[in-house]
Amino acid sequence: MDETPVNFDMVGALMLDNRGVRVPKGCYSPEVVVKMHENEWIDEELMVDWLELVWKQRPGGQKRSLLVFDSFEGHLTISVKNKCYKINTVLGVIPSGLTSIVQPLDVSINKSFKDQLHEK
């Protein structure tokens, strides 16, 4: 899994209230989980939730698996590591500065997609 964040509402660069929490609009089926951090960033709590609600629930989610993260500190907390252990997941970490080598989609397809989306 590699996330490419795209806002549900592309409201432009104008910020009217930086204290508000944006909640995606729309009606979602009960199988869809929508969670957001107030700063629109993933933190330890959201990472643990994602592991439980998404990673563990995928087809084959009970089998021993490898999950590779970048070295972002929110991915590497004790609670995230403990959760990975409990759900039979081995955690691999991409060392800082090596994204372009081991995650070529980040610098080719995803960057181009984000740049073009930003232009629109």
PDB file of N, CA and C in Angstrom:
ATOM      1  N   MET A   1       0.846  -1.162   0.000  1.00  0.00           N
ATOM      2  CA  MET A   1       0.000   0.000   0.000  1.00  0.00           C
ATOM      3  C   MET A   1       0.886   1.218   0.000  1.00  0.00           C
ATOM      4  N   ASP A   2       0.563   2.141  -0.836  1.00  0.00           N
ATOM      5  CA  ASP A   2       1.238   3.430  -0.818  1.00  0.00           C
ATOM      6  C   ASP A   2       0.159   4.477  -0.901  1.00  0.00           C
ATOM      7  N   GLU A   3       0.173   5.392   0.030  1.00  0.00           N
ATOM      8  CA  GLU A   3      -0.884   6.385   0.015  1.00  0.00           C
ATOM      9  C   GLU A   3      -0.525   7.558  -0.878  1.00  0.00           C
ATOM     10  N   THR A   4      -1.516   8.012  -1.616  1.00  0.00           N
ATOM     11  CA  THR A   4      -1.401   9.238  -2.398  1.00  0.00           C
ATOM     12  C   THR A   4      -2.577  10.096  -1.958  1.00  0.00           C
ATOM     13  N   PRO A   5      -2.362  10.990  -1.001  1.00  0.00           N
ATOM     14  CA  PRO A   5      -3.492  11.742  -0.461  1.00  0.00           C
ATOM     15  C   PRO A   5      -4.099  12.685  -1.487  1.00  0.00           C
ATOM     16  N   VAL A   6      -5.412  12.603  -1.604  1.00  0.00           N
ATOM     17  CA  VAL A   6      -6.173  13.495  -2.466  1.00  0.00           C
ATOM     18  C   VAL A   6      -7.381  13.931  -1.652  1.00  0.00           C
ATOM     19  N   ASN A   7      -7.590  15.243  -1.541  1.00  0.00           N
ATOM     20  CA  ASN A   7      -8.722  15.748  -0.772  1.00  0.00           C
ATOM     21  C   ASN A   7     -10.032  15.415  -1.454  1.00  0.00           C
ATOM     22  N   PHE A   8     -11.060  15.149  -0.656  1.00  0.00           N
ATOM     23  CA  PHE A   8     -12.392  14.952  -1.194  1.00  0.00           C
ATOM     24  C   PHE A   8     -12.934  16.269  -1.751  1.00  0.00           C
ATOM     25  N   ASP A   9     -12.633  17.359  -1.050  1.00  0.00           N
ATOM     26  CA  ASP A   9     -13.065  18.689  -1.470  1.00  0.00           C
ATOM     27  C   ASP A   9     -11.825  19.487  -1.815  1.00  0.00           C
ATOM     28  N   MET A  10     -11.624  19.792  -3.082  1.00  0.00           N
ATOM     29  CA  MET A  10     -10.464  20.594  -3.482  1.00  0.00           C
ATOM     30  C   MET A  10     -10.863  22.058  -3.347  1.00  0.00           C
ATOM     31  N   VAL A  11     -10.619  22.624  -2.170  1.00  0.00           N
ATOM     32  CA  VAL A  11     -11.112  23.965  -1.867  1.00  0.00           C
ATOM     33  C   VAL A  11     -10.118  25.052  -2.219  1.00  0.00           C
ATOM     34  N   GLY A  12      -8.996  24.724  -2.790  1.00  0.00           N
ATOM     35  CA  GLY A  12      -8.005  25.718  -3.163  1.00  0.00           C
ATOM     36  C   GLY A  12      -7.080  26.050  -2.013  1.00  0.00           C
ATOM     37  N   ALA A  13      -6.336  27.125  -2.170  1.00  0.00           N
ATOM     38  CA  ALA A  13      -5.322  27.488  -1.188  1.00  0.00           C
ATOM     39  C   ALA A  13      -5.851  28.413  -0.103  1.00  0.00           C
ATOM     40  N   LEU A  14      -7.116  28.816  -0.170  1.00  0.00           N
ATOM     41  CA  LEU A  14      -7.687  29.742   0.794  1.00  0.00           C
ATOM     42  C   LEU A  14      -8.055  29.007   2.073  1.00  0.00           C
ATOM     43  N   MET A  15      -7.540  29.490   3.210  1.00  0.00           N
ATOM     44  CA  MET A  15      -7.839  28.882   4.504  1.00  0.00           C
ATOM     45  C   MET A  15      -8.722  29.858   5.268  1.00  0.00           C
ATOM     46  N   LEU A  16      -9.941  29.458   5.578  1.00  0.00           N
ATOM     47  CA  LEU A  16     -10.855  30.336   6.298  1.00  0.00           C
ATOM     48  C   LEU A  16     -10.762  30.134   7.803  1.00  0.00           C
ATOM     49  N   ASP A  17     -10.556  28.922   8.225  1.00  0.00           N
ATOM     50  CA  ASP A  17     -10.493  28.636   9.654  1.00  0.00           C
ATOM     51  C   ASP A  17      -9.521  27.495   9.867  1.00  0.00           C
ATOM     52  N   ASN A  18      -8.353  27.800  10.389  1.00  0.00           N
ATOM     53  CA  ASN A  18      -7.354  26.750  10.557  1.00  0.00           C
ATOM     54  C   ASN A  18      -7.578  25.923  11.819  1.00  0.00           C
ATOM     55  N   ARG A  19      -8.656  26.207  12.564  1.00  0.00           N
ATOM     56  CA  ARG A  19      -8.944  25.414  13.755  1.00  0.00           C
ATOM     57  C   ARG A  19      -9.989  24.345  13.483  1.00  0.00           C
ATOM     58  N   GLY A  20     -10.635  24.410  12.334  1.00  0.00           N
ATOM     59  CA  GLY A  20     -11.691  23.453  12.023  1.00  0.00           C
ATOM     60  C   GLY A  20     -11.136  22.136  11.568  1.00  0.00           C
ATOM     61  N   VAL A  21     -11.935  21.105  11.707  1.00  0.00           N
ATOM     62  CA  VAL A  21     -11.560  19.773  11.231  1.00  0.00           C
ATOM     63  C   VAL A  21     -12.414  19.481  10.016  1.00  0.00           C
ATOM     64  N   ARG A  22     -11.765  19.208   8.899  1.00  0.00           N
ATOM     65  CA  ARG A  22     -12.489  18.886   7.680  1.00  0.00           C
ATOM     66  C   ARG A  22     -12.936  17.441   7.720  1.00  0.00           C
ATOM     67  N   VAL A  23     -14.192  17.222   7.454  1.00  0.00           N
ATOM     68  CA  VAL A  23     -14.729  15.870   7.400  1.00  0.00           C
ATOM     69  C   VAL A  23     -15.201  15.637   5.969  1.00  0.00           C
ATOM     70  N   PRO A  24     -14.787  14.543   5.353  1.00  0.00           N
ATOM     71  CA  PRO A  24     -15.226  14.277   3.979  1.00  0.00           C
ATOM     72  C   PRO A  24     -16.745  14.214   3.903  1.00  0.00           C
ATOM     73  N   LYS A  25     -17.300  14.849   2.877  1.00  0.00           N
ATOM     74  CA  LYS A  25     -18.748  14.854   2.685  1.00  0.00           C
ATOM     75  C   LYS A  25     -19.171  13.594   1.970  1.00  0.00           C
ATOM     76  N   GLY A  26     -20.393  13.194   2.185  1.00  0.00           N
ATOM     77  CA  GLY A  26     -20.945  12.069   1.455  1.00  0.00           C
ATOM     78  C   GLY A  26     -21.478  10.998   2.373  1.00  0.00           C
ATOM     79  N   CYS A  27     -22.248  10.141   1.785  1.00  0.00           N
ATOM     80  CA  CYS A  27     -22.781   8.982   2.498  1.00  0.00           C
ATOM     81  C   CYS A  27     -21.963   7.771   2.077  1.00  0.00           C
ATOM     82  N   TYR A  28     -21.517   7.024   3.042  1.00  0.00           N
ATOM     83  CA  TYR A  28     -20.667   5.879   2.767  1.00  0.00           C
ATOM     84  C   TYR A  28     -21.343   4.608   3.258  1.00  0.00           C
ATOM     85  N   SER A  29     -21.076   3.517   2.583  1.00  0.00           N
ATOM     86  CA  SER A  29     -21.622   2.242   3.029  1.00  0.00           C
ATOM     87  C   SER A  29     -20.963   1.874   4.354  1.00  0.00           C
ATOM     88  N   PRO A  30     -21.597   1.014   5.126  1.00  0.00           N
ATOM     89  CA  PRO A  30     -21.040   0.638   6.433  1.00  0.00           C
ATOM     90  C   PRO A  30     -19.655  -0.002   6.352  1.00  0.00           C
ATOM     91  N   GLU A  31     -19.276  -0.528   5.188  1.00  0.00           N
ATOM     92  CA  GLU A  31     -17.962  -1.154   5.043  1.00  0.00           C
ATOM     93  C   GLU A  31     -16.843  -0.127   4.887  1.00  0.00           C
ATOM     94  N   VAL A  32     -17.184   1.122   4.608  1.00  0.00           N
ATOM     95  CA  VAL A  32     -16.193   2.163   4.391  1.00  0.00           C
ATOM     96  C   VAL A  32     -15.902   2.858   5.720  1.00  0.00           C
ATOM     97  N   VAL A  33     -14.623   2.925   6.060  1.00  0.00           N
ATOM     98  CA  VAL A  33     -14.203   3.599   7.287  1.00  0.00           C
ATOM     99  C   VAL A  33     -13.546   4.918   6.888  1.00  0.00           C
ATOM    100  N   VAL A  34     -14.051   6.018   7.436  1.00  0.00           N
ATOM    101  CA  VAL A  34     -13.487   7.338   7.160  1.00  0.00           C
ATOM    102  C   VAL A  34     -12.995   7.912   8.478  1.00  0.00           C
ATOM    103  N   LYS A  35     -11.697   8.120   8.559  1.00  0.00           N
ATOM    104  CA  LYS A  35     -11.079   8.709   9.744  1.00  0.00           C
ATOM    105  C   LYS A  35     -10.089   9.751   9.278  1.00  0.00           C
ATOM    106  N   MET A  36     -10.000  10.820  10.039  1.00  0.00           N
ATOM    107  CA  MET A  36      -9.055  11.882   9.691  1.00  0.00           C
ATOM    108  C   MET A  36      -8.390  12.405  10.957  1.00  0.00           C
ATOM    109  N   HIS A  37      -7.148  12.758  10.829  1.00  0.00           N
ATOM    110  CA  HIS A  37      -6.427  13.443  11.901  1.00  0.00           C
ATOM    111  C   HIS A  37      -6.704  14.926  11.749  1.00  0.00           C
ATOM    112  N   GLU A  38      -6.810  15.654  12.846  1.00  0.00           N
ATOM    113  CA  GLU A  38      -7.136  17.079  12.761  1.00  0.00           C
ATOM    114  C   GLU A  38      -6.124  17.874  11.941  1.00  0.00           C
ATOM    115  N   ASN A  39      -4.878  17.392  11.871  1.00  0.00           N
ATOM    116  CA  ASN A  39      -3.852  18.064  11.068  1.00  0.00           C
ATOM    117  C   ASN A  39      -3.683  17.438   9.694  1.00  0.00           C
ATOM    118  N   GLU A  40      -4.588  16.507   9.341  1.00  0.00           N
ATOM    119  CA  GLU A  40      -4.534  15.796   8.058  1.00  0.00           C
ATOM    120  C   GLU A  40      -3.224  15.045   7.870  1.00  0.00           C
ATOM    121  N   TRP A  41      -2.758  14.438   8.923  1.00  0.00           N
ATOM    122  CA  TRP A  41      -1.507  13.687   8.903  1.00  0.00           C
ATOM    123  C   TRP A  41      -1.741  12.396   9.652  1.00  0.00           C
ATOM    124  N   ILE A  42      -1.040  11.353   9.311  1.00  0.00           N
ATOM    125  CA  ILE A  42      -1.210  10.105  10.044  1.00  0.00           C
ATOM    126  C   ILE A  42      -0.361  10.142  11.301  1.00  0.00           C
ATOM    127  N   ASP A  43      -0.930   9.658  12.390  1.00  0.00           N
ATOM    128  CA  ASP A  43      -0.196   9.588  13.643  1.00  0.00           C
ATOM    129  C   ASP A  43      -0.259   8.154  14.162  1.00  0.00           C
ATOM    130  N   GLU A  44       0.287   7.954  15.325  1.00  0.00           N
ATOM    131  CA  GLU A  44       0.365   6.618  15.914  1.00  0.00           C
ATOM    132  C   GLU A  44      -1.019   5.980  16.059  1.00  0.00           C
ATOM    133  N   GLU A  45      -1.985   6.726  16.574  1.00  0.00           N
ATOM    134  CA  GLU A  45      -3.327   6.190  16.791  1.00  0.00           C
ATOM    135  C   GLU A  45      -3.997   5.778  15.479  1.00  0.00           C
ATOM    136  N   LEU A  46      -3.912   6.637  14.463  1.00  0.00           N
ATOM    137  CA  LEU A  46      -4.495   6.289  13.164  1.00  0.00           C
ATOM    138  C   LEU A  46      -3.783   5.105  12.522  1.00  0.00           C
ATOM    139  N   MET A  47      -2.480   5.015  12.728  1.00  0.00           N
ATOM    140  CA  MET A  47      -1.718   3.900  12.164  1.00  0.00           C
ATOM    141  C   MET A  47      -2.173   2.580  12.779  1.00  0.00           C
ATOM    142  N   VAL A  48      -2.361   2.565  14.091  1.00  0.00           N
ATOM    143  CA  VAL A  48      -2.840   1.348  14.767  1.00  0.00           C
ATOM    144  C   VAL A  48      -4.255   1.017  14.288  1.00  0.00           C
ATOM    145  N   ASP A  49      -5.114   2.028  14.157  1.00  0.00           N
ATOM    146  CA  ASP A  49      -6.466   1.804  13.628  1.00  0.00           C
ATOM    147  C   ASP A  49      -6.411   1.219  12.224  1.00  0.00           C
ATOM    148  N   TRP A  50      -5.542   1.770  11.360  1.00  0.00           N
ATOM    149  CA  TRP A  50      -5.427   1.271   9.988  1.00  0.00           C
ATOM    150  C   TRP A  50      -5.000  -0.196   9.969  1.00  0.00           C
ATOM    151  N   LEU A  51      -4.052  -0.527  10.829  1.00  0.00           N
ATOM    152  CA  LEU A  51      -3.600  -1.922  10.901  1.00  0.00           C
ATOM    153  C   LEU A  51      -4.754  -2.859  11.271  1.00  0.00           C
ATOM    154  N   GLU A  52      -5.562  -2.441  12.222  1.00  0.00           N
ATOM    155  CA  GLU A  52      -6.687  -3.268  12.679  1.00  0.00           C
ATOM    156  C   GLU A  52      -7.829  -3.293  11.662  1.00  0.00           C
ATOM    157  N   LEU A  53      -8.206  -2.146  11.146  1.00  0.00           N
ATOM    158  CA  LEU A  53      -9.412  -2.044  10.324  1.00  0.00           C
ATOM    159  C   LEU A  53      -9.196  -2.318   8.838  1.00  0.00           C
ATOM    160  N   VAL A  54      -7.964  -2.172   8.364  1.00  0.00           N
ATOM    161  CA  VAL A  54      -7.701  -2.367   6.939  1.00  0.00           C
ATOM    162  C   VAL A  54      -6.742  -3.534   6.715  1.00  0.00           C
ATOM    163  N   TRP A  55      -5.535  -3.408   7.223  1.00  0.00           N
ATOM    164  CA  TRP A  55      -4.506  -4.416   6.962  1.00  0.00           C
ATOM    165  C   TRP A  55      -4.932  -5.802   7.441  1.00  0.00           C
ATOM    166  N   LYS A  56      -5.400  -5.899   8.655  1.00  0.00           N
ATOM    167  CA  LYS A  56      -5.783  -7.195   9.232  1.00  0.00           C
ATOM    168  C   LYS A  56      -7.008  -7.781   8.528  1.00  0.00           C
ATOM    169  N   GLN A  57      -7.886  -6.933   7.993  1.00  0.00           N
ATOM    170  CA  GLN A  57      -9.140  -7.392   7.390  1.00  0.00           C
ATOM    171  C   GLN A  57      -9.020  -7.761   5.915  1.00  0.00           C
ATOM    172  N   ARG A  58      -7.867  -7.527   5.306  1.00  0.00           N
ATOM    173  CA  ARG A  58      -7.716  -7.831   3.887  1.00  0.00           C
ATOM    174  C   ARG A  58      -7.761  -9.346   3.672  1.00  0.00           C
ATOM    175  N   PRO A  59      -8.069  -9.796   2.450  1.00  0.00           N
ATOM    176  CA  PRO A  59      -8.029 -11.237   2.185  1.00  0.00           C
ATOM    177  C   PRO A  59      -6.647 -11.790   2.536  1.00  0.00           C
ATOM    178  N   GLY A  60      -6.616 -12.844   3.279  1.00  0.00           N
ATOM    179  CA  GLY A  60      -5.348 -13.431   3.705  1.00  0.00           C
ATOM    180  C   GLY A  60      -4.728 -12.704   4.882  1.00  0.00           C
ATOM    181  N   GLY A  61      -5.482 -11.817   5.509  1.00  0.00           N
ATOM    182  CA  GLY A  61      -4.958 -10.979   6.585  1.00  0.00           C
ATOM    183  C   GLY A  61      -4.516 -11.712   7.827  1.00  0.00           C
ATOM    184  N   GLN A  62      -4.884 -12.966   7.954  1.00  0.00           N
ATOM    185  CA  GLN A  62      -4.471 -13.731   9.127  1.00  0.00           C
ATOM    186  C   GLN A  62      -3.141 -14.452   8.916  1.00  0.00           C
ATOM    187  N   LYS A  63      -2.681 -14.504   7.659  1.00  0.00           N
ATOM    188  CA  LYS A  63      -1.410 -15.169   7.363  1.00  0.00           C
ATOM    189  C   LYS A  63      -0.243 -14.265   7.733  1.00  0.00           C
ATOM    190  N   ARG A  64       0.882 -14.869   8.021  1.00  0.00           N
ATOM    191  CA  ARG A  64       2.094 -14.095   8.309  1.00  0.00           C
ATOM    192  C   ARG A  64       2.439 -13.262   7.083  1.00  0.00           C
ATOM    193  N   SER A  65       2.641 -11.961   7.290  1.00  0.00           N
ATOM    194  CA  SER A  65       2.830 -11.034   6.175  1.00  0.00           C
ATOM    195  C   SER A  65       3.956 -10.062   6.456  1.00  0.00           C
ATOM    196  N   LEU A  66       4.467  -9.479   5.392  1.00  0.00           N
ATOM    197  CA  LEU A  66       5.477  -8.432   5.477  1.00  0.00           C
ATOM    198  C   LEU A  66       4.815  -7.116   5.091  1.00  0.00           C
ATOM    199  N   LEU A  67       4.985  -6.094   5.918  1.00  0.00           N
ATOM    200  CA  LEU A  67       4.487  -4.754   5.639  1.00  0.00           C
ATOM    201  C   LEU A  67       5.681  -3.811   5.682  1.00  0.00           C
ATOM    202  N   VAL A  68       5.896  -3.095   4.583  1.00  0.00           N
ATOM    203  CA  VAL A  68       7.065  -2.223   4.475  1.00  0.00           C
ATOM    204  C   VAL A  68       6.626  -0.773   4.617  1.00  0.00           C
ATOM    205  N   PHE A  69       7.236  -0.069   5.557  1.00  0.00           N
ATOM    206  CA  PHE A  69       6.971   1.347   5.814  1.00  0.00           C
ATOM    207  C   PHE A  69       8.202   2.161   5.479  1.00  0.00           C
ATOM    208  N   ASP A  70       7.984   3.460   5.270  1.00  0.00           N
ATOM    209  CA  ASP A  70       9.142   4.351   5.246  1.00  0.00           C
ATOM    210  C   ASP A  70       9.508   4.662   6.700  1.00  0.00           C
ATOM    211  N   SER A  71      10.509   5.466   6.913  1.00  0.00           N
ATOM    212  CA  SER A  71      11.022   5.659   8.273  1.00  0.00           C
ATOM    213  C   SER A  71      10.320   6.792   9.027  1.00  0.00           C
ATOM    214  N   PHE A  72       9.121   7.182   8.604  1.00  0.00           N
ATOM    215  CA  PHE A  72       8.333   8.176   9.319  1.00  0.00           C
ATOM    216  C   PHE A  72       8.103   7.700  10.751  1.00  0.00           C
ATOM    217  N   GLU A  73       8.333   8.574  11.715  1.00  0.00           N
ATOM    218  CA  GLU A  73       8.287   8.176  13.129  1.00  0.00           C
ATOM    219  C   GLU A  73       6.924   7.646  13.564  1.00  0.00           C
ATOM    220  N   GLY A  74       5.826   8.101  12.952  1.00  0.00           N
ATOM    221  CA  GLY A  74       4.505   7.598  13.301  1.00  0.00           C
ATOM    222  C   GLY A  74       4.301   6.134  12.942  1.00  0.00           C
ATOM    223  N   HIS A  75       5.120   5.626  12.014  1.00  0.00           N
ATOM    224  CA  HIS A  75       5.041   4.214  11.635  1.00  0.00           C
ATOM    225  C   HIS A  75       5.816   3.317  12.593  1.00  0.00           C
ATOM    226  N   LEU A  76       6.704   3.885  13.366  1.00  0.00           N
ATOM    227  CA  LEU A  76       7.686   3.077  14.084  1.00  0.00           C
ATOM    228  C   LEU A  76       7.565   3.145  15.603  1.00  0.00           C
ATOM    229  N   THR A  77       6.407   3.499  16.103  1.00  0.00           N
ATOM    230  CA  THR A  77       6.228   3.581  17.546  1.00  0.00           C
ATOM    231  C   THR A  77       6.079   2.183  18.144  1.00  0.00           C
ATOM    232  N   ILE A  78       6.219   2.108  19.441  1.00  0.00           N
ATOM    233  CA  ILE A  78       6.085   0.818  20.137  1.00  0.00           C
ATOM    234  C   ILE A  78       4.687   0.233  19.917  1.00  0.00           C
ATOM    235  N   SER A  79       3.644   1.070  19.976  1.00  0.00           N
ATOM    236  CA  SER A  79       2.287   0.532  19.813  1.00  0.00           C
ATOM    237  C   SER A  79       2.058   0.004  18.399  1.00  0.00           C
ATOM    238  N   VAL A  80       2.639   0.637  17.386  1.00  0.00           N
ATOM    239  CA  VAL A  80       2.518   0.141  16.005  1.00  0.00           C
ATOM    240  C   VAL A  80       3.272  -1.178  15.871  1.00  0.00           C
ATOM    241  N   LYS A  81       4.480  -1.234  16.417  1.00  0.00           N
ATOM    242  CA  LYS A  81       5.259  -2.481  16.357  1.00  0.00           C
ATOM    243  C   LYS A  81       4.545  -3.604  17.096  1.00  0.00           C
ATOM    244  N   ASN A  82       3.972  -3.299  18.265  1.00  0.00           N
ATOM    245  CA  ASN A  82       3.240  -4.313  19.026  1.00  0.00           C
ATOM    246  C   ASN A  82       2.013  -4.796  18.259  1.00  0.00           C
ATOM    247  N   LYS A  83       1.298  -3.875  17.622  1.00  0.00           N
ATOM    248  CA  LYS A  83       0.121  -4.252  16.841  1.00  0.00           C
ATOM    249  C   LYS A  83       0.521  -5.155  15.679  1.00  0.00           C
ATOM    250  N   CYS A  84       1.607  -4.824  14.998  1.00  0.00           N
ATOM    251  CA  CYS A  84       2.096  -5.665  13.900  1.00  0.00           C
ATOM    252  C   CYS A  84       2.399  -7.070  14.403  1.00  0.00           C
ATOM    253  N   TYR A  85       3.047  -7.159  15.551  1.00  0.00           N
ATOM    254  CA  TYR A  85       3.380  -8.467  16.130  1.00  0.00           C
ATOM    255  C   TYR A  85       2.094  -9.255  16.418  1.00  0.00           C
ATOM    256  N   LYS A  86       1.106  -8.594  17.004  1.00  0.00           N
ATOM    257  CA  LYS A  86      -0.148  -9.265  17.381  1.00  0.00           C
ATOM    258  C   LYS A  86      -0.932  -9.755  16.173  1.00  0.00           C
ATOM    259  N   ILE A  87      -0.799  -9.085  15.045  1.00  0.00           N
ATOM    260  CA  ILE A  87      -1.559  -9.504  13.858  1.00  0.00           C
ATOM    261  C   ILE A  87      -0.682 -10.260  12.861  1.00  0.00           C
ATOM    262  N   ASN A  88       0.429 -10.813  13.361  1.00  0.00           N
ATOM    263  CA  ASN A  88       1.274 -11.707  12.582  1.00  0.00           C
ATOM    264  C   ASN A  88       1.896 -11.008  11.365  1.00  0.00           C
ATOM    265  N   THR A  89       2.341  -9.769  11.578  1.00  0.00           N
ATOM    266  CA  THR A  89       2.923  -8.980  10.501  1.00  0.00           C
ATOM    267  C   THR A  89       4.359  -8.610  10.846  1.00  0.00           C
ATOM    268  N   VAL A  90       5.260  -8.901   9.930  1.00  0.00           N
ATOM    269  CA  VAL A  90       6.659  -8.508  10.075  1.00  0.00           C
ATOM    270  C   VAL A  90       6.793  -7.107   9.495  1.00  0.00           C
ATOM    271  N   LEU A  91       7.415  -6.215  10.236  1.00  0.00           N
ATOM    272  CA  LEU A  91       7.567  -4.837   9.815  1.00  0.00           C
ATOM    273  C   LEU A  91       8.932  -4.625   9.179  1.00  0.00           C
ATOM    274  N   GLY A  92       8.927  -4.137   7.942  1.00  0.00           N
ATOM    275  CA  GLY A  92      10.163  -3.763   7.261  1.00  0.00           C
ATOM    276  C   GLY A  92      10.198  -2.253   7.136  1.00  0.00           C
ATOM    277  N   VAL A  93      11.367  -1.666   7.230  1.00  0.00           N
ATOM    278  CA  VAL A  93      11.486  -0.209   7.189  1.00  0.00           C
ATOM    279  C   VAL A  93      12.460   0.203   6.096  1.00  0.00           C
ATOM    280  N   ILE A  94      12.017   1.124   5.237  1.00  0.00           N
ATOM    281  CA  ILE A  94      12.875   1.689   4.207  1.00  0.00           C
ATOM    282  C   ILE A  94      13.710   2.783   4.860  1.00  0.00           C
ATOM    283  N   PRO A  95      15.018   2.674   4.830  1.00  0.00           N
ATOM    284  CA  PRO A  95      15.857   3.714   5.432  1.00  0.00           C
ATOM    285  C   PRO A  95      15.625   5.075   4.785  1.00  0.00           C
ATOM    286  N   SER A  96      15.746   6.101   5.581  1.00  0.00           N
ATOM    287  CA  SER A  96      15.568   7.470   5.106  1.00  0.00           C
ATOM    288  C   SER A  96      16.485   7.748   3.913  1.00  0.00           C
ATOM    289  N   GLY A  97      15.949   8.436   2.915  1.00  0.00           N
ATOM    290  CA  GLY A  97      16.728   8.808   1.740  1.00  0.00           C
ATOM    291  C   GLY A  97      16.726   7.788   0.617  1.00  0.00           C
ATOM    292  N   LEU A  98      16.111   6.619   0.837  1.00  0.00           N
ATOM    293  CA  LEU A  98      16.125   5.575  -0.189  1.00  0.00           C
ATOM    294  C   LEU A  98      14.786   5.398  -0.906  1.00  0.00           C
ATOM    295  N   THR A  99      13.836   6.273  -0.653  1.00  0.00           N
ATOM    296  CA  THR A  99      12.516   6.142  -1.272  1.00  0.00           C
ATOM    297  C   THR A  99      12.612   6.064  -2.791  1.00  0.00           C
ATOM    298  N   SER A 100      13.417   6.920  -3.391  1.00  0.00           N
ATOM    299  CA  SER A 100      13.490   6.944  -4.858  1.00  0.00           C
ATOM    300  C   SER A 100      14.048   5.652  -5.430  1.00  0.00           C
ATOM    301  N   ILE A 101      14.785   4.918  -4.626  1.00  0.00           N
ATOM    302  CA  ILE A 101      15.382   3.664  -5.108  1.00  0.00           C
ATOM    303  C   ILE A 101      14.445   2.485  -4.908  1.00  0.00           C
ATOM    304  N   VAL A 102      13.814   2.403  -3.732  1.00  0.00           N
ATOM    305  CA  VAL A 102      12.968   1.237  -3.442  1.00  0.00           C
ATOM    306  C   VAL A 102      11.475   1.499  -3.631  1.00  0.00           C
ATOM    307  N   GLN A 103      11.091   2.743  -3.874  1.00  0.00           N
ATOM    308  CA  GLN A 103       9.701   3.073  -4.176  1.00  0.00           C
ATOM    309  C   GLN A 103       9.650   3.929  -5.440  1.00  0.00           C
ATOM    310  N   PRO A 104       9.963   3.336  -6.581  1.00  0.00           N
ATOM    311  CA  PRO A 104      10.018   4.128  -7.808  1.00  0.00           C
ATOM    312  C   PRO A 104       8.687   4.766  -8.193  1.00  0.00           C
ATOM    313  N   LEU A 105       7.563   4.189  -7.765  1.00  0.00           N
ATOM    314  CA  LEU A 105       6.272   4.802  -8.090  1.00  0.00           C
ATOM    315  C   LEU A 105       6.126   6.174  -7.451  1.00  0.00           C
ATOM    316  N   ASP A 106       6.749   6.382  -6.279  1.00  0.00           N
ATOM    317  CA  ASP A 106       6.666   7.684  -5.617  1.00  0.00           C
ATOM    318  C   ASP A 106       7.265   8.793  -6.463  1.00  0.00           C
ATOM    319  N   VAL A 107       8.340   8.514  -7.150  1.00  0.00           N
ATOM    320  CA  VAL A 107       9.017   9.566  -7.913  1.00  0.00           C
ATOM    321  C   VAL A 107       8.629   9.567  -9.388  1.00  0.00           C
ATOM    322  N   SER A 108       7.897   8.570  -9.828  1.00  0.00           N
ATOM    323  CA  SER A 108       7.492   8.555 -11.235  1.00  0.00           C
ATOM    324  C   SER A 108       5.992   8.808 -11.342  1.00  0.00           C
ATOM    325  N   ILE A 109       5.182   7.835 -11.080  1.00  0.00           N
ATOM    326  CA  ILE A 109       3.736   7.944 -11.284  1.00  0.00           C
ATOM    327  C   ILE A 109       3.071   8.848 -10.246  1.00  0.00           C
ATOM    328  N   ASN A 110       3.306   8.619  -8.963  1.00  0.00           N
ATOM    329  CA  ASN A 110       2.610   9.397  -7.932  1.00  0.00           C
ATOM    330  C   ASN A 110       2.954  10.880  -7.996  1.00  0.00           C
ATOM    331  N   LYS A 111       4.222  11.210  -8.205  1.00  0.00           N
ATOM    332  CA  LYS A 111       4.606  12.621  -8.278  1.00  0.00           C
ATOM    333  C   LYS A 111       3.948  13.295  -9.462  1.00  0.00           C
ATOM    334  N   SER A 112       3.953  12.639 -10.596  1.00  0.00           N
ATOM    335  CA  SER A 112       3.321  13.191 -11.785  1.00  0.00           C
ATOM    336  C   SER A 112       1.815  13.381 -11.564  1.00  0.00           C
ATOM    337  N   PHE A 113       1.180  12.395 -10.963  1.00  0.00           N
ATOM    338  CA  PHE A 113      -0.248  12.476 -10.662  1.00  0.00           C
ATOM    339  C   PHE A 113      -0.543  13.669  -9.756  1.00  0.00           C
ATOM    340  N   LYS A 114       0.216  13.810  -8.680  1.00  0.00           N
ATOM    341  CA  LYS A 114       0.007  14.920  -7.743  1.00  0.00           C
ATOM    342  C   LYS A 114       0.263  16.277  -8.412  1.00  0.00           C
ATOM    343  N   ASP A 115       1.293  16.371  -9.227  1.00  0.00           N
ATOM    344  CA  ASP A 115       1.580  17.617  -9.921  1.00  0.00           C
ATOM    345  C   ASP A 115       0.451  18.019 -10.864  1.00  0.00           C
ATOM    346  N   GLN A 116      -0.050  17.046 -11.625  1.00  0.00           N
ATOM    347  CA  GLN A 116      -1.138  17.332 -12.569  1.00  0.00           C
ATOM    348  C   GLN A 116      -2.430  17.672 -11.842  1.00  0.00           C
ATOM    349  N   LEU A 117      -2.688  16.992 -10.742  1.00  0.00           N
ATOM    350  CA  LEU A 117      -3.875  17.276  -9.940  1.00  0.00           C
ATOM    351  C   LEU A 117      -3.793  18.683  -9.353  1.00  0.00           C
ATOM    352  N   HIS A 118      -2.621  19.065  -8.891  1.00  0.00           N
ATOM    353  CA  HIS A 118      -2.439  20.395  -8.332  1.00  0.00           C
ATOM    354  C   HIS A 118      -2.683  21.489  -9.372  1.00  0.00           C
ATOM    355  N   GLU A 119      -2.252  21.245 -10.615  1.00  0.00           N
ATOM    356  CA  GLU A 119      -2.468  22.207 -11.689  1.00  0.00           C
ATOM    357  C   GLU A 119      -3.947  22.444 -11.960  1.00  0.00           C
ATOM    358  N   LYS A 120      -4.720  21.364 -11.871  1.00  0.00           N
ATOM    359  CA  LYS A 120      -6.167  21.460 -12.146  1.00  0.00           C
ATOM    360  C   LYS A 120      -6.865  22.193 -11.037  1.00  0.00           C
TER     361      LYS A 120
END
